[in-house]
Amino acid sequence: MHRPDDWPAWLHAAGVTTVDGNSGVKFENSALAYQAAIDECGIVMAQRAFVEDDLRAGV
């Protein structure tokens, strides 16, 4: 919710025009979004510093 331009910017840079980058589930904070991705509920655009340990652990 706090970074509404991230997905639209990424999709635009990737040349994707058929996906609305602001549709879908929204979370109050990053921790909830990251946990939803870990639980395989979708994908998340993360700030590396917040997920680096999980990535290293293969989560």
Foldseek 3Di string as FASTA:
>chain_A
DVCQCVQVVVCVVVVHDPDDSNDDDDDPDDVVVVVCVVVVVDDDDDDCVVCVVVVVVVD
